[in-house]
Amino acid sequence: MAANSSNALKHWARIIQRWPVDKVRPEPVSFQTIMRRRVERLTNPVLATEAGKTPSSEAPVETQPPPTLNEQKEMGQVNALYSLLENRYATAYPMPETMRYPASRKTHYDDLLKELELRDRGADGSHSCNGLRVGSV
């Protein structure tokens, strides 16, 4: 089967590479990890079949056939992800400043970003985030 040369799979690989890393989400449940597993199951039916198996001590579970690559469906999903990646909706429907900077705490979202940056820098020991009020109201 020519699944490995599929246009949809090439686009999936490009999206996974370009998708921004979510600093809040742990690696095992990141977008990139989940999508890589999904693409692996599409390209290797053996992996999909093994994922549905249960240990012999448990009651047998009805297994579904391995997923097949539906090029048209995959391209629809790829197009939707490209629209998010390219901020098409943010451009078409700009967010009002009052939402980005709420009157009750104008710097709330900027403070969250600073906390994440400090946490990332603190991981390698170069900076400390002591005294930072994380999640304070």
C-alpha atoms as a PDB file:
ATOM      1  CA  MET A   1       0.000   0.000   0.000  1.00  0.00           C
ATOM      2  CA  ALA A   2       1.205   3.498  -0.764  1.00  0.00           C
ATOM      3  CA  ALA A   3       0.206   4.866   2.641  1.00  0.00           C
ATOM      4  CA  ASN A   4       3.742   5.971   3.451  1.00  0.00           C
ATOM      5  CA  SER A   5       3.789   8.273   0.414  1.00  0.00           C
ATOM      6  CA  SER A   6       0.360   9.728   1.213  1.00  0.00           C
ATOM      7  CA  ASN A   7      -0.033  13.503   0.944  1.00  0.00           C
ATOM      8  CA  ALA A   8      -2.073  13.502   4.146  1.00  0.00           C
ATOM      9  CA  LEU A   9       0.722  11.788   6.064  1.00  0.00           C
ATOM     10  CA  LYS A  10       3.260  14.293   4.747  1.00  0.00           C
ATOM     11  CA  HIS A  11       1.022  17.122   5.938  1.00  0.00           C
ATOM     12  CA  TRP A  12       0.564  15.415   9.332  1.00  0.00           C
ATOM     13  CA  ALA A  13       4.346  15.242   9.737  1.00  0.00           C
ATOM     14  CA  ARG A  14       4.660  18.930   8.851  1.00  0.00           C
ATOM     15  CA  ILE A  15       1.901  19.942  11.286  1.00  0.00           C
ATOM     16  CA  ILE A  16       3.422  17.904  14.115  1.00  0.00           C
ATOM     17  CA  GLN A  17       6.771  19.580  13.497  1.00  0.00           C
ATOM     18  CA  ARG A  18       5.345  23.121  13.316  1.00  0.00           C
ATOM     19  CA  TRP A  19       2.799  22.859  16.154  1.00  0.00           C
ATOM     20  CA  PRO A  20       3.873  24.967  19.150  1.00  0.00           C
ATOM     21  CA  VAL A  21       4.833  23.081  22.300  1.00  0.00           C
ATOM     22  CA  ASP A  22       2.313  23.509  25.114  1.00  0.00           C
ATOM     23  CA  LYS A  23       4.369  24.437  28.184  1.00  0.00           C
ATOM     24  CA  VAL A  24       1.572  23.488  30.576  1.00  0.00           C
ATOM     25  CA  ARG A  25       0.772  20.034  29.185  1.00  0.00           C
ATOM     26  CA  PRO A  26       3.073  17.121  30.144  1.00  0.00           C
ATOM     27  CA  GLU A  27       5.002  15.412  27.317  1.00  0.00           C
ATOM     28  CA  PRO A  28       3.064  12.082  27.352  1.00  0.00           C
ATOM     29  CA  VAL A  29      -0.174  13.916  26.544  1.00  0.00           C
ATOM     30  CA  SER A  30       1.207  16.642  24.298  1.00  0.00           C
ATOM     31  CA  PHE A  31      -0.303  17.242  20.881  1.00  0.00           C
ATOM     32  CA  GLN A  32       2.860  16.033  19.170  1.00  0.00           C
ATOM     33  CA  THR A  33       2.993  12.739  21.105  1.00  0.00           C
ATOM     34  CA  ILE A  34      -0.693  11.956  20.597  1.00  0.00           C
ATOM     35  CA  MET A  35      -0.600  12.760  16.884  1.00  0.00           C
ATOM     36  CA  ARG A  36       2.595  10.761  16.308  1.00  0.00           C
ATOM     37  CA  ARG A  37       0.888   7.715  17.877  1.00  0.00           C
ATOM     38  CA  ARG A  38      -2.169   8.272  15.717  1.00  0.00           C
ATOM     39  CA  VAL A  39      -0.115   8.470  12.517  1.00  0.00           C
ATOM     40  CA  GLU A  40       1.858   5.364  13.540  1.00  0.00           C
ATOM     41  CA  ARG A  41      -1.401   3.445  13.965  1.00  0.00           C
ATOM     42  CA  LEU A  42      -2.594   4.604  10.549  1.00  0.00           C
ATOM     43  CA  THR A  43       0.626   3.583   8.837  1.00  0.00           C
ATOM     44  CA  ASN A  44       1.249   0.362  10.775  1.00  0.00           C
ATOM     45  CA  PRO A  45      -1.939  -1.712  11.282  1.00  0.00           C
ATOM     46  CA  VAL A  46      -0.023  -4.136  13.534  1.00  0.00           C
ATOM     47  CA  LEU A  47       0.403  -1.387  16.157  1.00  0.00           C
ATOM     48  CA  ALA A  48      -3.304  -0.595  16.041  1.00  0.00           C
ATOM     49  CA  THR A  49      -4.201  -4.265  16.490  1.00  0.00           C
ATOM     50  CA  GLU A  50      -1.810  -4.708  19.432  1.00  0.00           C
ATOM     51  CA  ALA A  51      -3.176  -1.574  21.127  1.00  0.00           C
ATOM     52  CA  GLY A  52      -6.615  -3.190  21.265  1.00  0.00           C
ATOM     53  CA  LYS A  53      -5.443  -6.498  22.802  1.00  0.00           C
ATOM     54  CA  THR A  54      -5.926  -7.332  26.467  1.00  0.00           C
ATOM     55  CA  PRO A  55      -3.853  -9.603  28.691  1.00  0.00           C
ATOM     56  CA  SER A  56      -5.029 -13.226  28.653  1.00  0.00           C
ATOM     57  CA  SER A  57      -6.134 -13.062  32.312  1.00  0.00           C
ATOM     58  CA  GLU A  58      -8.827 -10.507  31.516  1.00  0.00           C
ATOM     59  CA  ALA A  59     -12.080 -11.178  29.749  1.00  0.00           C
ATOM     60  CA  PRO A  60     -11.797 -10.812  25.965  1.00  0.00           C
ATOM     61  CA  VAL A  61     -12.771  -7.406  24.678  1.00  0.00           C
ATOM     62  CA  GLU A  62     -14.374  -6.900  21.316  1.00  0.00           C
ATOM     63  CA  THR A  63     -11.628  -5.521  19.107  1.00  0.00           C
ATOM     64  CA  GLN A  64     -12.168  -3.114  16.275  1.00  0.00           C
ATOM     65  CA  PRO A  65     -10.450  -3.575  12.934  1.00  0.00           C
ATOM     66  CA  PRO A  66      -7.292  -1.501  12.525  1.00  0.00           C
ATOM     67  CA  PRO A  67      -7.947   1.995  11.159  1.00  0.00           C
ATOM     68  CA  THR A  68      -7.444   2.505   7.468  1.00  0.00           C
ATOM     69  CA  LEU A  69      -6.153   5.664   5.877  1.00  0.00           C
ATOM     70  CA  ASN A  70      -9.016   7.669   4.417  1.00  0.00           C
ATOM     71  CA  GLU A  71      -7.145  10.327   2.440  1.00  0.00           C
ATOM     72  CA  GLN A  72     -10.127  12.670   2.076  1.00  0.00           C
ATOM     73  CA  LYS A  73     -10.998  12.554   5.794  1.00  0.00           C
ATOM     74  CA  GLU A  74      -7.358  13.043   6.808  1.00  0.00           C
ATOM     75  CA  MET A  75      -6.984  16.029   4.470  1.00  0.00           C
ATOM     76  CA  GLY A  76     -10.070  17.611   6.045  1.00  0.00           C
ATOM     77  CA  GLN A  77      -8.499  17.250   9.482  1.00  0.00           C
ATOM     78  CA  VAL A  78      -5.159  18.521   8.205  1.00  0.00           C
ATOM     79  CA  ASN A  79      -6.852  21.599   6.721  1.00  0.00           C
ATOM     80  CA  ALA A  80      -8.594  22.320  10.036  1.00  0.00           C
ATOM     81  CA  LEU A  81      -5.280  22.092  11.911  1.00  0.00           C
ATOM     82  CA  TYR A  82      -3.529  24.326   9.367  1.00  0.00           C
ATOM     83  CA  SER A  83      -6.259  26.934   9.896  1.00  0.00           C
ATOM     84  CA  LEU A  84      -5.483  26.909  13.627  1.00  0.00           C
ATOM     85  CA  LEU A  85      -1.732  26.864  13.070  1.00  0.00           C
ATOM     86  CA  GLU A  86      -1.915  29.877  10.741  1.00  0.00           C
ATOM     87  CA  ASN A  87      -4.275  31.821  13.069  1.00  0.00           C
ATOM     88  CA  ARG A  88      -6.919  32.193  10.360  1.00  0.00           C
ATOM     89  CA  TYR A  89      -9.654  32.646  12.963  1.00  0.00           C
ATOM     90  CA  ALA A  90      -7.716  35.164  15.037  1.00  0.00           C
ATOM     91  CA  THR A  91      -7.235  37.203  11.886  1.00  0.00           C
ATOM     92  CA  ALA A  92     -10.855  36.911  10.755  1.00  0.00           C
ATOM     93  CA  TYR A  93     -12.317  37.423  14.237  1.00  0.00           C
ATOM     94  CA  PRO A  94      -9.930  39.571  16.268  1.00  0.00           C
ATOM     95  CA  MET A  95     -10.253  39.333  20.045  1.00  0.00           C
ATOM     96  CA  PRO A  96     -11.243  42.586  21.761  1.00  0.00           C
ATOM     97  CA  GLU A  97      -8.636  44.156  24.040  1.00  0.00           C
ATOM     98  CA  THR A  98     -11.059  43.973  26.986  1.00  0.00           C
ATOM     99  CA  MET A  99     -10.899  40.174  26.812  1.00  0.00           C
ATOM    100  CA  ARG A 100      -7.110  40.065  26.621  1.00  0.00           C
ATOM    101  CA  TYR A 101      -6.736  42.617  29.413  1.00  0.00           C
ATOM    102  CA  PRO A 102      -9.746  42.242  31.768  1.00  0.00           C
ATOM    103  CA  ALA A 103     -10.581  45.277  33.910  1.00  0.00           C
ATOM    104  CA  SER A 104     -10.290  43.275  37.141  1.00  0.00           C
ATOM    105  CA  ARG A 105      -6.686  42.170  36.421  1.00  0.00           C
ATOM    106  CA  LYS A 106      -5.213  43.767  33.364  1.00  0.00           C
ATOM    107  CA  THR A 107      -1.905  41.872  33.551  1.00  0.00           C
ATOM    108  CA  HIS A 108      -3.355  38.428  34.371  1.00  0.00           C
ATOM    109  CA  TYR A 109      -2.428  36.683  31.108  1.00  0.00           C
ATOM    110  CA  ASP A 110       0.943  38.400  30.854  1.00  0.00           C
ATOM    111  CA  ASP A 111       1.693  37.270  34.419  1.00  0.00           C
ATOM    112  CA  LEU A 112       0.828  33.681  33.513  1.00  0.00           C
ATOM    113  CA  LEU A 113       3.242  33.782  30.578  1.00  0.00           C
ATOM    114  CA  LYS A 114       5.991  35.213  32.800  1.00  0.00           C
ATOM    115  CA  GLU A 115       5.419  32.442  35.364  1.00  0.00           C
ATOM    116  CA  LEU A 116       5.775  29.787  32.674  1.00  0.00           C
ATOM    117  CA  GLU A 117       8.949  31.380  31.339  1.00  0.00           C
ATOM    118  CA  LEU A 118      10.427  31.587  34.837  1.00  0.00           C
ATOM    119  CA  ARG A 119       9.525  27.970  35.498  1.00  0.00           C
ATOM    120  CA  ASP A 120      11.239  26.875  32.292  1.00  0.00           C
ATOM    121  CA  ARG A 121      14.373  28.875  33.058  1.00  0.00           C
ATOM    122  CA  GLY A 122      14.377  27.588  36.643  1.00  0.00           C
ATOM    123  CA  ALA A 123      14.472  23.978  35.415  1.00  0.00           C
ATOM    124  CA  ASP A 124      18.091  24.327  34.293  1.00  0.00           C
ATOM    125  CA  GLY A 125      19.140  26.172  37.453  1.00  0.00           C
ATOM    126  CA  SER A 126      19.904  29.487  35.776  1.00  0.00           C
ATOM    127  CA  HIS A 127      17.028  31.377  37.423  1.00  0.00           C
ATOM    128  CA  SER A 128      14.878  30.875  40.455  1.00  0.00           C
ATOM    129  CA  CYS A 129      11.176  31.587  40.679  1.00  0.00           C
ATOM    130  CA  ASN A 130      11.130  31.889  44.509  1.00  0.00           C
ATOM    131  CA  GLY A 131       8.706  34.467  45.798  1.00  0.00           C
ATOM    132  CA  LEU A 132       6.554  34.278  42.682  1.00  0.00           C
ATOM    133  CA  ARG A 133       2.893  34.046  43.562  1.00  0.00           C
ATOM    134  CA  VAL A 134       1.717  31.264  41.287  1.00  0.00           C
ATOM    135  CA  GLY A 135      -2.048  31.161  40.784  1.00  0.00           C
ATOM    136  CA  SER A 136      -2.777  33.933  43.251  1.00  0.00           C
ATOM    137  CA  VAL A 137      -6.022  35.845  43.028  1.00  0.00           C
END
